Amino acid sequence: MFMFKLNENGTVTATLAPLGGEPGDDLARVRPRAMAFDKTGLMFAGGDVLGKTKIAPELDAGQRAAFVLAFEDNGGMAWKQVYAGDSASGGPAATGLATANGKLYLTGFFSESLDIDPLGPAGLVQRAGYNPFLARLDIAGARADWLHAFDGTGQPGAASPFYAGMLGAEVVVAGSWIRQLDISKESAGGILPPKGDGVTDTDIVAAKFK
């Protein structure tokens, strides 16, 4: 992963050293998937890493984690957050970012496990198959305010990216899914049954949160 900043004339004004795999882990990968900006000039990059990388050297070989990096206007890193699963199962990927009112909304999906829950006693969410999630981070403190871990009802195989965008003061999350998707079990409107056969047909889904 590499980044650079251009001015209006196309001249490079700031660069970031490549963030790739650590020596000795030939299978390590860094996959940037999303970018966002806020009014203070911070830039955010999100994605996922596999194995030992310069972003997450603490991971085991083959372990996957989602990451969010915040950069100052001059290209310097302001803060970093890495959200892993447990080492025995899949893990998360960050695929969408949006900012509003000092908050950063992070969405994506996880396979089997995700360690981001600020309220859980061990901070670990475990659920079979692939499952989307939405988290709100405080930009100043770089910590998660809350997490919604949706129930993908055991969807196997792979998951498509989920994206986030602001609609006024509300955040909209959209993506595609095959099986039933439980956004909220508190209301009937929060349970989205498949429109197709629930096996191979893909549906477009969207939800809005305050």
N, C-alpha and C. Protein backbone atom coordinates (compact mmCIF):
# COMPACT_ATOMS: atom_id res chain seq x y z
N MET A 1 0.85 -1.19 0.00
CA MET A 1 0.00 0.00 0.00
C MET A 1 0.88 1.24 0.00
N PHE A 2 0.59 2.19 -0.88
CA PHE A 2 1.30 3.44 -0.89
C PHE A 2 0.30 4.57 -1.12
N MET A 3 0.65 5.77 -0.69
CA MET A 3 -0.22 6.93 -0.86
C MET A 3 0.63 8.15 -1.12
N PHE A 4 0.09 9.07 -1.92
CA PHE A 4 0.74 10.35 -2.10
C PHE A 4 -0.32 11.41 -2.35
N LYS A 5 0.04 12.66 -2.06
CA LYS A 5 -0.88 13.78 -2.17
C LYS A 5 -0.42 14.71 -3.29
N LEU A 6 -1.36 15.15 -4.13
CA LEU A 6 -1.07 16.05 -5.24
C LEU A 6 -1.74 17.39 -5.00
N ASN A 7 -1.08 18.48 -5.46
CA ASN A 7 -1.74 19.77 -5.42
C ASN A 7 -2.52 19.99 -6.71
N GLU A 8 -3.07 21.19 -6.89
CA GLU A 8 -3.92 21.44 -8.05
C GLU A 8 -3.15 21.39 -9.37
N ASN A 9 -1.82 21.46 -9.30
CA ASN A 9 -0.99 21.39 -10.50
C ASN A 9 -0.49 19.98 -10.79
N GLY A 10 -0.87 19.01 -9.94
CA GLY A 10 -0.42 17.64 -10.13
C GLY A 10 0.93 17.35 -9.54
N THR A 11 1.46 18.27 -8.73
CA THR A 11 2.75 18.07 -8.10
C THR A 11 2.59 17.32 -6.79
N VAL A 12 3.44 16.32 -6.56
CA VAL A 12 3.39 15.56 -5.32
C VAL A 12 3.86 16.45 -4.16
N THR A 13 3.01 16.61 -3.14
CA THR A 13 3.35 17.44 -2.00
C THR A 13 3.57 16.65 -0.72
N ALA A 14 3.14 15.40 -0.68
CA ALA A 14 3.34 14.56 0.50
C ALA A 14 3.28 13.10 0.07
N THR A 15 4.09 12.28 0.70
CA THR A 15 4.10 10.85 0.38
C THR A 15 4.10 10.04 1.65
N LEU A 16 3.66 8.80 1.54
CA LEU A 16 3.67 7.85 2.64
C LEU A 16 4.49 6.65 2.20
N ALA A 17 5.43 6.25 3.05
CA ALA A 17 6.25 5.09 2.73
C ALA A 17 5.35 3.87 2.54
N PRO A 18 5.68 2.99 1.60
CA PRO A 18 4.86 1.79 1.36
C PRO A 18 4.65 0.98 2.64
N LEU A 19 3.42 0.53 2.84
CA LEU A 19 3.07 -0.29 4.00
C LEU A 19 2.70 -1.68 3.49
N GLY A 20 3.67 -2.56 3.46
CA GLY A 20 3.43 -3.90 2.95
C GLY A 20 3.72 -4.96 4.00
N GLY A 21 4.06 -6.15 3.52
CA GLY A 21 4.33 -7.27 4.42
C GLY A 21 5.67 -7.15 5.11
N GLU A 22 5.75 -7.76 6.28
CA GLU A 22 7.01 -7.81 7.01
C GLU A 22 7.93 -8.85 6.37
N PRO A 23 9.25 -8.66 6.45
CA PRO A 23 10.17 -9.67 5.92
C PRO A 23 9.93 -11.04 6.56
N GLY A 24 9.93 -12.07 5.74
CA GLY A 24 9.73 -13.42 6.24
C GLY A 24 8.31 -13.93 6.08
N ASP A 25 7.36 -13.04 5.76
CA ASP A 25 5.97 -13.48 5.54
C ASP A 25 5.61 -13.16 4.09
N ASP A 26 5.92 -14.09 3.19
CA ASP A 26 5.72 -13.86 1.76
C ASP A 26 4.25 -13.81 1.37
N LEU A 27 3.37 -14.33 2.23
CA LEU A 27 1.94 -14.36 1.92
C LEU A 27 1.19 -13.16 2.50
N ALA A 28 1.90 -12.30 3.21
CA ALA A 28 1.24 -11.14 3.84
C ALA A 28 0.71 -10.18 2.78
N ARG A 29 -0.46 -9.59 3.06
CA ARG A 29 -1.09 -8.68 2.11
C ARG A 29 -1.70 -7.48 2.83
N VAL A 30 -1.66 -6.32 2.17
CA VAL A 30 -2.37 -5.12 2.61
C VAL A 30 -3.33 -4.73 1.50
N ARG A 31 -4.63 -4.66 1.81
CA ARG A 31 -5.64 -4.36 0.80
C ARG A 31 -6.41 -3.10 1.20
N PRO A 32 -6.05 -1.92 0.70
CA PRO A 32 -6.86 -0.72 0.95
C PRO A 32 -8.16 -0.80 0.16
N ARG A 33 -9.28 -0.47 0.81
CA ARG A 33 -10.58 -0.63 0.17
C ARG A 33 -11.44 0.63 0.23
N ALA A 34 -11.14 1.58 1.12
CA ALA A 34 -12.02 2.73 1.29
C ALA A 34 -11.22 3.95 1.73
N MET A 35 -11.73 5.14 1.36
CA MET A 35 -11.13 6.40 1.79
C MET A 35 -12.22 7.38 2.17
N ALA A 36 -11.90 8.30 3.08
CA ALA A 36 -12.84 9.36 3.47
C ALA A 36 -12.03 10.54 3.98
N PHE A 37 -12.67 11.71 4.02
CA PHE A 37 -12.04 12.94 4.49
C PHE A 37 -13.00 13.64 5.44
N ASP A 38 -12.43 14.40 6.40
CA ASP A 38 -13.29 15.21 7.25
C ASP A 38 -12.93 16.68 7.09
N LYS A 39 -13.70 17.56 7.74
CA LYS A 39 -13.55 19.00 7.54
C LYS A 39 -12.26 19.55 8.14
N THR A 40 -11.62 18.80 9.03
CA THR A 40 -10.39 19.28 9.65
C THR A 40 -9.17 19.01 8.79
N GLY A 41 -9.33 18.30 7.69
CA GLY A 41 -8.22 17.98 6.82
C GLY A 41 -7.67 16.58 6.99
N LEU A 42 -8.20 15.82 7.94
CA LEU A 42 -7.75 14.44 8.10
C LEU A 42 -8.23 13.58 6.94
N MET A 43 -7.41 12.64 6.55
CA MET A 43 -7.77 11.65 5.55
C MET A 43 -7.75 10.28 6.19
N PHE A 44 -8.71 9.45 5.84
CA PHE A 44 -8.83 8.12 6.43
C PHE A 44 -8.76 7.07 5.33
N ALA A 45 -8.04 6.00 5.62
CA ALA A 45 -7.95 4.86 4.71
C ALA A 45 -8.31 3.61 5.48
N GLY A 46 -9.10 2.75 4.88
CA GLY A 46 -9.51 1.51 5.53
C GLY A 46 -9.37 0.34 4.59
N GLY A 47 -9.27 -0.84 5.16
CA GLY A 47 -9.14 -2.04 4.35
C GLY A 47 -8.90 -3.25 5.23
N ASP A 48 -8.13 -4.20 4.73
CA ASP A 48 -7.81 -5.37 5.54
C ASP A 48 -6.38 -5.81 5.27
N VAL A 49 -5.82 -6.49 6.23
CA VAL A 49 -4.47 -7.04 6.13
C VAL A 49 -4.53 -8.53 6.39
N LEU A 50 -3.57 -9.23 5.83
CA LEU A 50 -3.44 -10.66 6.04
C LEU A 50 -2.01 -10.95 6.46
N GLY A 51 -1.85 -11.57 7.62
CA GLY A 51 -0.51 -11.92 8.10
C GLY A 51 0.22 -10.74 8.69
N LYS A 52 1.54 -10.88 8.83
CA LYS A 52 2.38 -9.86 9.46
C LYS A 52 2.71 -8.76 8.46
N THR A 53 2.24 -7.56 8.73
CA THR A 53 2.49 -6.40 7.86
C THR A 53 3.00 -5.25 8.71
N LYS A 54 3.42 -4.19 8.03
CA LYS A 54 3.87 -3.00 8.75
C LYS A 54 2.72 -2.30 9.45
N ILE A 55 1.51 -2.53 8.97
CA ILE A 55 0.33 -1.98 9.65
C ILE A 55 0.00 -2.77 10.90
N ALA A 56 0.10 -4.08 10.84
CA ALA A 56 -0.27 -4.95 11.97
C ALA A 56 0.76 -6.05 12.14
N PRO A 57 1.96 -5.71 12.63
CA PRO A 57 2.99 -6.74 12.80
C PRO A 57 2.69 -7.75 13.89
N GLU A 58 1.67 -7.45 14.72
CA GLU A 58 1.33 -8.34 15.82
C GLU A 58 0.50 -9.55 15.38
N LEU A 59 -0.01 -9.56 14.15
CA LEU A 59 -0.84 -10.66 13.69
C LEU A 59 -0.01 -11.90 13.42
N ASP A 60 -0.68 -13.05 13.53
CA ASP A 60 -0.04 -14.31 13.15
C ASP A 60 -0.09 -14.48 11.63
N ALA A 61 0.78 -15.29 11.09
CA ALA A 61 0.75 -15.60 9.66
C ALA A 61 -0.61 -16.21 9.31
N GLY A 62 -1.27 -15.66 8.28
CA GLY A 62 -2.57 -16.15 7.87
C GLY A 62 -3.74 -15.52 8.59
N GLN A 63 -3.51 -14.72 9.62
CA GLN A 63 -4.59 -14.06 10.35
C GLN A 63 -5.00 -12.80 9.63
N ARG A 64 -6.32 -12.52 9.57
CA ARG A 64 -6.83 -11.34 8.87
C ARG A 64 -7.38 -10.34 9.87
N ALA A 65 -7.26 -9.05 9.53
CA ALA A 65 -7.78 -7.98 10.38
C ALA A 65 -8.19 -6.81 9.51
N ALA A 66 -9.17 -6.03 9.99
CA ALA A 66 -9.53 -4.77 9.36
C ALA A 66 -8.67 -3.66 9.96
N PHE A 67 -8.43 -2.61 9.18
CA PHE A 67 -7.66 -1.49 9.70
C PHE A 67 -8.27 -0.17 9.27
N VAL A 68 -8.01 0.86 10.08
CA VAL A 68 -8.32 2.25 9.73
C VAL A 68 -7.10 3.09 10.08
N LEU A 69 -6.63 3.87 9.12
CA LEU A 69 -5.51 4.77 9.31
C LEU A 69 -5.99 6.21 9.12
N ALA A 70 -5.55 7.11 10.00
CA ALA A 70 -5.87 8.53 9.87
C ALA A 70 -4.58 9.28 9.57
N PHE A 71 -4.61 10.18 8.56
CA PHE A 71 -3.43 10.91 8.14
C PHE A 71 -3.68 12.42 8.26
N GLU A 72 -2.65 13.12 8.71
CA GLU A 72 -2.67 14.58 8.73
C GLU A 72 -2.53 15.12 7.31
N ASP A 73 -2.73 16.43 7.18
CA ASP A 73 -2.65 17.06 5.87
C ASP A 73 -1.27 16.93 5.24
N ASN A 74 -0.22 16.82 6.07
CA ASN A 74 1.14 16.71 5.55
C ASN A 74 1.55 15.26 5.24
N GLY A 75 0.63 14.32 5.40
CA GLY A 75 0.91 12.92 5.12
C GLY A 75 1.34 12.11 6.32
N GLY A 76 1.57 12.77 7.46
CA GLY A 76 1.94 12.05 8.67
C GLY A 76 0.75 11.29 9.25
N MET A 77 1.01 10.13 9.85
CA MET A 77 -0.07 9.32 10.42
C MET A 77 -0.49 9.88 11.77
N ALA A 78 -1.79 10.17 11.91
CA ALA A 78 -2.33 10.70 13.17
C ALA A 78 -2.64 9.58 14.14
N TRP A 79 -3.26 8.51 13.66
CA TRP A 79 -3.53 7.34 14.50
C TRP A 79 -3.85 6.14 13.63
N LYS A 80 -3.85 4.99 14.29
CA LYS A 80 -4.10 3.71 13.61
C LYS A 80 -4.94 2.83 14.52
N GLN A 81 -5.89 2.12 13.92
CA GLN A 81 -6.65 1.12 14.65
C GLN A 81 -6.69 -0.16 13.81
N VAL A 82 -6.44 -1.29 14.46
CA VAL A 82 -6.49 -2.59 13.81
C VAL A 82 -7.51 -3.45 14.56
N TYR A 83 -8.45 -4.03 13.81
CA TYR A 83 -9.52 -4.85 14.40
C TYR A 83 -9.40 -6.26 13.84
N ALA A 84 -8.99 -7.17 14.68
CA ALA A 84 -8.76 -8.55 14.24
C ALA A 84 -9.90 -9.45 14.68
N GLY A 85 -9.91 -10.65 14.12
CA GLY A 85 -10.73 -11.72 14.65
C GLY A 85 -9.85 -12.57 15.56
N ASP A 86 -10.35 -13.71 15.98
CA ASP A 86 -9.46 -14.58 16.73
C ASP A 86 -8.60 -15.36 15.74
N SER A 87 -7.48 -15.86 16.18
CA SER A 87 -6.51 -16.44 15.28
C SER A 87 -6.96 -17.76 14.69
N ALA A 88 -8.04 -18.35 15.24
CA ALA A 88 -8.48 -19.67 14.78
C ALA A 88 -9.54 -19.59 13.69
N SER A 89 -9.99 -18.37 13.32
CA SER A 89 -11.04 -18.26 12.32
C SER A 89 -10.76 -17.10 11.39
N GLY A 90 -11.74 -16.70 10.60
CA GLY A 90 -11.54 -15.77 9.50
C GLY A 90 -11.06 -14.39 9.89
N GLY A 91 -12.00 -13.50 10.24
CA GLY A 91 -11.65 -12.14 10.57
C GLY A 91 -12.39 -11.14 9.73
N PRO A 92 -12.18 -9.84 9.97
CA PRO A 92 -12.94 -8.79 9.31
C PRO A 92 -12.19 -8.10 8.18
N ALA A 93 -12.96 -7.34 7.37
CA ALA A 93 -12.43 -6.46 6.35
C ALA A 93 -13.24 -5.17 6.38
N ALA A 94 -12.56 -4.03 6.32
CA ALA A 94 -13.22 -2.72 6.24
C ALA A 94 -13.38 -2.35 4.78
N THR A 95 -14.61 -2.03 4.36
CA THR A 95 -14.87 -1.75 2.95
C THR A 95 -15.52 -0.39 2.71
N GLY A 96 -15.99 0.29 3.76
CA GLY A 96 -16.64 1.58 3.58
C GLY A 96 -16.36 2.51 4.74
N LEU A 97 -16.17 3.82 4.43
CA LEU A 97 -15.92 4.85 5.44
C LEU A 97 -16.75 6.08 5.12
N ALA A 98 -17.23 6.77 6.15
CA ALA A 98 -17.93 8.04 5.99
C ALA A 98 -17.71 8.86 7.26
N THR A 99 -17.68 10.19 7.14
CA THR A 99 -17.45 11.05 8.29
C THR A 99 -18.57 12.07 8.44
N ALA A 100 -18.83 12.46 9.70
CA ALA A 100 -19.80 13.51 10.01
C ALA A 100 -19.67 13.88 11.48
N ASN A 101 -19.60 15.18 11.77
CA ASN A 101 -19.68 15.70 13.14
C ASN A 101 -18.68 15.04 14.09
N GLY A 102 -17.45 14.92 13.64
CA GLY A 102 -16.42 14.36 14.49
C GLY A 102 -16.47 12.87 14.67
N LYS A 103 -17.27 12.19 13.85
CA LYS A 103 -17.39 10.74 13.94
C LYS A 103 -16.99 10.11 12.60
N LEU A 104 -16.43 8.92 12.69
CA LEU A 104 -16.07 8.14 11.51
C LEU A 104 -16.87 6.86 11.53
N TYR A 105 -17.64 6.62 10.47
CA TYR A 105 -18.44 5.41 10.36
C TYR A 105 -17.68 4.40 9.51
N LEU A 106 -17.54 3.21 10.05
CA LEU A 106 -16.77 2.14 9.43
C LEU A 106 -17.69 0.96 9.18
N THR A 107 -17.74 0.49 7.95
CA THR A 107 -18.55 -0.68 7.64
C THR A 107 -17.71 -1.69 6.86
N GLY A 108 -18.18 -2.91 6.84
CA GLY A 108 -17.48 -3.99 6.16
C GLY A 108 -18.15 -5.31 6.48
N PHE A 109 -17.38 -6.37 6.50
CA PHE A 109 -17.91 -7.68 6.84
C PHE A 109 -16.85 -8.46 7.61
N PHE A 110 -17.30 -9.49 8.31
CA PHE A 110 -16.35 -10.36 8.99
C PHE A 110 -16.77 -11.81 8.79
N SER A 111 -15.78 -12.66 8.83
CA SER A 111 -15.98 -14.10 8.72
C SER A 111 -15.65 -14.74 10.05
N GLU A 112 -16.65 -15.29 10.70
CA GLU A 112 -16.50 -16.03 11.96
C GLU A 112 -16.30 -15.14 13.19
N SER A 113 -15.43 -14.11 13.11
CA SER A 113 -15.16 -13.35 14.33
C SER A 113 -14.70 -11.93 14.02
N LEU A 114 -14.97 -11.02 14.98
CA LEU A 114 -14.60 -9.62 14.88
C LEU A 114 -14.34 -9.08 16.27
N ASP A 115 -13.20 -8.46 16.50
CA ASP A 115 -12.87 -7.90 17.81
C ASP A 115 -12.87 -6.38 17.72
N ILE A 116 -14.06 -5.78 17.91
CA ILE A 116 -14.20 -4.34 17.85
C ILE A 116 -15.23 -3.84 18.86
N ASP A 117 -16.00 -4.75 19.45
CA ASP A 117 -17.13 -4.40 20.30
C ASP A 117 -16.66 -3.66 21.55
N PRO A 118 -17.00 -2.36 21.70
CA PRO A 118 -16.55 -1.63 22.89
C PRO A 118 -17.30 -1.98 24.16
N LEU A 119 -18.42 -2.71 24.02
CA LEU A 119 -19.25 -3.02 25.19
C LEU A 119 -19.08 -4.45 25.68
N GLY A 120 -18.59 -5.34 24.81
CA GLY A 120 -18.45 -6.74 25.20
C GLY A 120 -17.35 -6.92 26.22
N PRO A 121 -17.50 -7.87 27.15
CA PRO A 121 -16.50 -8.07 28.19
C PRO A 121 -15.13 -8.45 27.65
N ALA A 122 -15.10 -9.19 26.54
CA ALA A 122 -13.82 -9.54 25.93
C ALA A 122 -13.63 -8.85 24.59
N GLY A 123 -14.64 -8.08 24.16
CA GLY A 123 -14.55 -7.34 22.91
C GLY A 123 -14.61 -8.18 21.67
N LEU A 124 -15.06 -9.43 21.77
CA LEU A 124 -15.03 -10.34 20.63
C LEU A 124 -16.44 -10.77 20.26
N VAL A 125 -16.80 -10.59 18.98
CA VAL A 125 -18.06 -11.07 18.43
C VAL A 125 -17.77 -12.28 17.57
N GLN A 126 -18.46 -13.38 17.80
CA GLN A 126 -18.27 -14.60 17.02
C GLN A 126 -19.61 -15.02 16.42
N ARG A 127 -19.61 -15.27 15.12
CA ARG A 127 -20.85 -15.65 14.43
C ARG A 127 -20.47 -16.44 13.18
N ALA A 128 -21.19 -17.51 12.92
CA ALA A 128 -20.85 -18.39 11.79
C ALA A 128 -21.01 -17.68 10.46
N GLY A 129 -20.22 -18.10 9.48
CA GLY A 129 -20.34 -17.56 8.14
C GLY A 129 -19.87 -16.12 8.03
N TYR A 130 -20.35 -15.44 6.97
CA TYR A 130 -20.02 -14.03 6.74
C TYR A 130 -21.13 -13.14 7.28
N ASN A 131 -20.74 -11.98 7.85
CA ASN A 131 -21.69 -11.07 8.47
C ASN A 131 -21.23 -9.63 8.27
N PRO A 132 -22.13 -8.72 7.85
CA PRO A 132 -21.76 -7.31 7.75
C PRO A 132 -21.72 -6.65 9.13
N PHE A 133 -21.04 -5.50 9.21
CA PHE A 133 -21.02 -4.75 10.46
C PHE A 133 -20.95 -3.26 10.17
N LEU A 134 -21.35 -2.47 11.16
CA LEU A 134 -21.22 -1.01 11.13
C LEU A 134 -20.75 -0.56 12.49
N ALA A 135 -19.70 0.25 12.53
CA ALA A 135 -19.17 0.78 13.79
C ALA A 135 -19.03 2.29 13.67
N ARG A 136 -19.21 2.99 14.78
CA ARG A 136 -18.95 4.43 14.82
C ARG A 136 -17.75 4.70 15.70
N LEU A 137 -16.77 5.40 15.14
CA LEU A 137 -15.55 5.74 15.85
C LEU A 137 -15.52 7.23 16.16
N ASP A 138 -15.00 7.58 17.32
CA ASP A 138 -14.76 8.97 17.65
C ASP A 138 -13.42 9.38 17.02
N ILE A 139 -13.45 10.37 16.13
CA ILE A 139 -12.24 10.73 15.40
C ILE A 139 -11.15 11.23 16.34
N ALA A 140 -11.52 12.03 17.33
CA ALA A 140 -10.52 12.60 18.23
C ALA A 140 -9.85 11.52 19.08
N GLY A 141 -10.64 10.58 19.58
CA GLY A 141 -10.09 9.55 20.45
C GLY A 141 -9.72 8.27 19.75
N ALA A 142 -10.13 8.15 18.47
CA ALA A 142 -9.83 6.96 17.67
C ALA A 142 -10.34 5.68 18.33
N ARG A 143 -11.45 5.80 19.06
CA ARG A 143 -12.03 4.64 19.73
C ARG A 143 -13.46 4.42 19.26
N ALA A 144 -13.93 3.18 19.31
CA ALA A 144 -15.28 2.84 18.87
C ALA A 144 -16.31 3.28 19.91
N ASP A 145 -17.34 4.00 19.45
CA ASP A 145 -18.47 4.36 20.30
C ASP A 145 -19.45 3.19 20.41
N TRP A 146 -19.73 2.57 19.27
CA TRP A 146 -20.66 1.45 19.26
C TRP A 146 -20.43 0.59 18.02
N LEU A 147 -21.03 -0.58 18.06
CA LEU A 147 -20.91 -1.55 16.97
C LEU A 147 -22.25 -2.22 16.72
N HIS A 148 -22.64 -2.30 15.45
CA HIS A 148 -23.76 -3.14 15.04
C HIS A 148 -23.18 -4.30 14.22
N ALA A 149 -23.27 -5.50 14.75
CA ALA A 149 -22.83 -6.69 14.03
C ALA A 149 -24.08 -7.40 13.52
N PHE A 150 -24.35 -7.26 12.22
CA PHE A 150 -25.56 -7.83 11.64
C PHE A 150 -25.41 -9.34 11.49
N ASP A 151 -26.53 -10.02 11.47
CA ASP A 151 -26.53 -11.48 11.36
C ASP A 151 -26.75 -11.88 9.91
N GLY A 152 -25.71 -12.40 9.28
CA GLY A 152 -25.81 -12.84 7.90
C GLY A 152 -26.40 -14.23 7.74
N THR A 153 -26.89 -14.80 8.84
CA THR A 153 -27.55 -16.12 8.89
C THR A 153 -26.70 -17.20 8.22
N GLY A 154 -25.41 -17.16 8.52
CA GLY A 154 -24.54 -18.23 8.10
C GLY A 154 -24.18 -18.26 6.63
N GLN A 155 -24.22 -17.09 5.96
CA GLN A 155 -23.87 -17.08 4.53
C GLN A 155 -22.45 -17.61 4.34
N PRO A 156 -22.27 -18.65 3.54
CA PRO A 156 -20.94 -19.21 3.33
C PRO A 156 -20.25 -18.55 2.15
N GLY A 157 -19.07 -19.03 1.83
CA GLY A 157 -18.38 -18.59 0.62
C GLY A 157 -17.70 -17.26 0.79
N ALA A 158 -18.25 -16.20 0.24
CA ALA A 158 -17.65 -14.88 0.29
C ALA A 158 -18.73 -13.83 0.46
N ALA A 159 -18.28 -12.62 0.79
CA ALA A 159 -19.20 -11.52 0.98
C ALA A 159 -18.79 -10.37 0.08
N SER A 160 -19.78 -9.63 -0.43
CA SER A 160 -19.49 -8.44 -1.23
C SER A 160 -19.22 -7.26 -0.30
N PRO A 161 -18.51 -6.24 -0.79
CA PRO A 161 -18.24 -5.06 0.05
C PRO A 161 -19.54 -4.36 0.46
N PHE A 162 -19.52 -3.75 1.64
CA PHE A 162 -20.58 -2.86 2.07
C PHE A 162 -20.01 -1.45 2.11
N TYR A 163 -20.83 -0.46 1.74
CA TYR A 163 -20.37 0.92 1.63
C TYR A 163 -21.20 1.81 2.55
N ALA A 164 -20.61 2.94 2.95
CA ALA A 164 -21.27 3.87 3.85
C ALA A 164 -21.28 5.26 3.24
N GLY A 165 -22.36 5.99 3.48
CA GLY A 165 -22.48 7.37 3.03
C GLY A 165 -23.38 8.14 3.97
N MET A 166 -23.19 9.44 4.05
CA MET A 166 -23.99 10.27 4.96
C MET A 166 -25.19 10.84 4.21
N LEU A 167 -26.34 10.83 4.87
CA LEU A 167 -27.57 11.45 4.38
C LEU A 167 -28.03 12.40 5.48
N GLY A 168 -27.56 13.63 5.42
CA GLY A 168 -27.77 14.55 6.54
C GLY A 168 -26.97 14.07 7.74
N ALA A 169 -27.66 13.89 8.87
CA ALA A 169 -27.01 13.42 10.09
C ALA A 169 -27.09 11.91 10.24
N GLU A 170 -27.62 11.23 9.23
CA GLU A 170 -27.78 9.78 9.30
C GLU A 170 -26.80 9.09 8.35
N VAL A 171 -26.41 7.88 8.70
CA VAL A 171 -25.50 7.11 7.88
C VAL A 171 -26.27 6.00 7.17
N VAL A 172 -26.01 5.84 5.89
CA VAL A 172 -26.65 4.80 5.08
C VAL A 172 -25.60 3.75 4.73
N VAL A 173 -25.95 2.51 4.97
CA VAL A 173 -25.08 1.38 4.65
C VAL A 173 -25.75 0.57 3.55
N ALA A 174 -24.99 0.23 2.51
CA ALA A 174 -25.56 -0.51 1.39
C ALA A 174 -24.56 -1.55 0.89
N GLY A 175 -25.10 -2.65 0.40
CA GLY A 175 -24.26 -3.72 -0.13
C GLY A 175 -25.14 -4.76 -0.79
N SER A 176 -24.63 -5.94 -0.95
CA SER A 176 -25.40 -7.03 -1.53
C SER A 176 -25.27 -8.27 -0.67
N TRP A 177 -26.33 -9.09 -0.68
CA TRP A 177 -26.36 -10.27 0.17
C TRP A 177 -27.20 -11.35 -0.50
N ILE A 178 -27.01 -12.59 -0.08
CA ILE A 178 -27.73 -13.71 -0.69
C ILE A 178 -28.78 -14.26 0.27
N ARG A 179 -28.39 -14.55 1.49
CA ARG A 179 -29.31 -15.12 2.47
C ARG A 179 -30.09 -14.03 3.21
N GLN A 180 -30.95 -14.47 4.14
CA GLN A 180 -31.62 -13.51 4.99
C GLN A 180 -30.59 -12.72 5.77
N LEU A 181 -30.85 -11.41 5.91
CA LEU A 181 -29.95 -10.53 6.65
C LEU A 181 -30.72 -9.88 7.79
N ASP A 182 -30.26 -10.11 9.01
CA ASP A 182 -30.93 -9.54 10.18
C ASP A 182 -30.21 -8.27 10.60
N ILE A 183 -30.78 -7.12 10.21
CA ILE A 183 -30.23 -5.82 10.60
C ILE A 183 -30.56 -5.54 12.06
N SER A 184 -31.78 -5.84 12.46
CA SER A 184 -32.23 -5.64 13.83
C SER A 184 -33.31 -6.66 14.15
N LYS A 185 -33.18 -7.34 15.26
CA LYS A 185 -34.18 -8.30 15.68
C LYS A 185 -35.29 -7.64 16.51
N GLU A 186 -35.19 -6.32 16.72
CA GLU A 186 -36.17 -5.61 17.55
C GLU A 186 -37.42 -5.23 16.77
N SER A 187 -37.38 -5.28 15.45
CA SER A 187 -38.55 -4.94 14.65
C SER A 187 -38.59 -5.81 13.41
N ALA A 188 -39.80 -6.01 12.88
CA ALA A 188 -39.95 -6.84 11.69
C ALA A 188 -39.24 -6.21 10.51
N GLY A 189 -39.17 -4.87 10.47
CA GLY A 189 -38.50 -4.19 9.38
C GLY A 189 -37.00 -4.39 9.38
N GLY A 190 -36.46 -4.89 10.48
CA GLY A 190 -35.03 -5.10 10.56
C GLY A 190 -34.59 -6.47 10.07
N ILE A 191 -35.53 -7.32 9.71
CA ILE A 191 -35.21 -8.64 9.18
C ILE A 191 -35.51 -8.65 7.69
N LEU A 192 -34.48 -8.82 6.87
CA LEU A 192 -34.63 -8.73 5.42
C LEU A 192 -34.53 -10.12 4.81
N PRO A 193 -35.68 -10.73 4.46
CA PRO A 193 -35.64 -12.06 3.83
C PRO A 193 -35.12 -11.94 2.40
N PRO A 194 -34.53 -12.98 1.86
CA PRO A 194 -34.03 -12.91 0.49
C PRO A 194 -35.16 -12.78 -0.52
N LYS A 195 -34.92 -11.98 -1.54
CA LYS A 195 -35.89 -11.84 -2.63
C LYS A 195 -35.71 -12.94 -3.67
N GLY A 196 -34.48 -13.49 -3.73
CA GLY A 196 -34.20 -14.57 -4.67
C GLY A 196 -34.34 -15.91 -4.00
N ASP A 197 -33.53 -16.86 -4.44
CA ASP A 197 -33.65 -18.22 -3.91
C ASP A 197 -32.89 -18.42 -2.61
N GLY A 198 -32.13 -17.41 -2.16
CA GLY A 198 -31.38 -17.53 -0.92
C GLY A 198 -30.18 -18.43 -1.00
N VAL A 199 -29.84 -18.85 -2.20
CA VAL A 199 -28.71 -19.76 -2.39
C VAL A 199 -27.66 -19.15 -3.32
N THR A 200 -28.11 -18.67 -4.47
CA THR A 200 -27.18 -18.07 -5.43
C THR A 200 -27.58 -16.67 -5.87
N ASP A 201 -28.88 -16.32 -5.76
CA ASP A 201 -29.35 -15.00 -6.19
C ASP A 201 -28.89 -13.93 -5.22
N THR A 202 -28.36 -12.82 -5.75
CA THR A 202 -27.85 -11.73 -4.93
C THR A 202 -28.86 -10.59 -4.87
N ASP A 203 -29.13 -10.09 -3.66
CA ASP A 203 -30.02 -8.95 -3.46
C ASP A 203 -29.21 -7.73 -3.05
N ILE A 204 -29.67 -6.56 -3.45
CA ILE A 204 -29.10 -5.30 -2.97
C ILE A 204 -29.85 -4.90 -1.71
N VAL A 205 -29.11 -4.60 -0.65
CA VAL A 205 -29.72 -4.24 0.63
C VAL A 205 -29.18 -2.88 1.09
N ALA A 206 -29.99 -2.15 1.85
CA ALA A 206 -29.58 -0.86 2.39
C ALA A 206 -30.30 -0.61 3.70
N ALA A 207 -29.63 0.08 4.61
CA ALA A 207 -30.23 0.43 5.90
C ALA A 207 -29.70 1.79 6.33
N LYS A 208 -30.53 2.53 7.06
CA LYS A 208 -30.17 3.87 7.52
C LYS A 208 -30.17 3.91 9.03
N PHE A 209 -29.17 4.57 9.61
CA PHE A 209 -29.01 4.63 11.07
C PHE A 209 -28.78 6.07 11.50
N LYS A 210 -29.27 6.40 12.69
CA LYS A 210 -29.04 7.71 13.28
C LYS A 210 -27.76 7.70 14.09
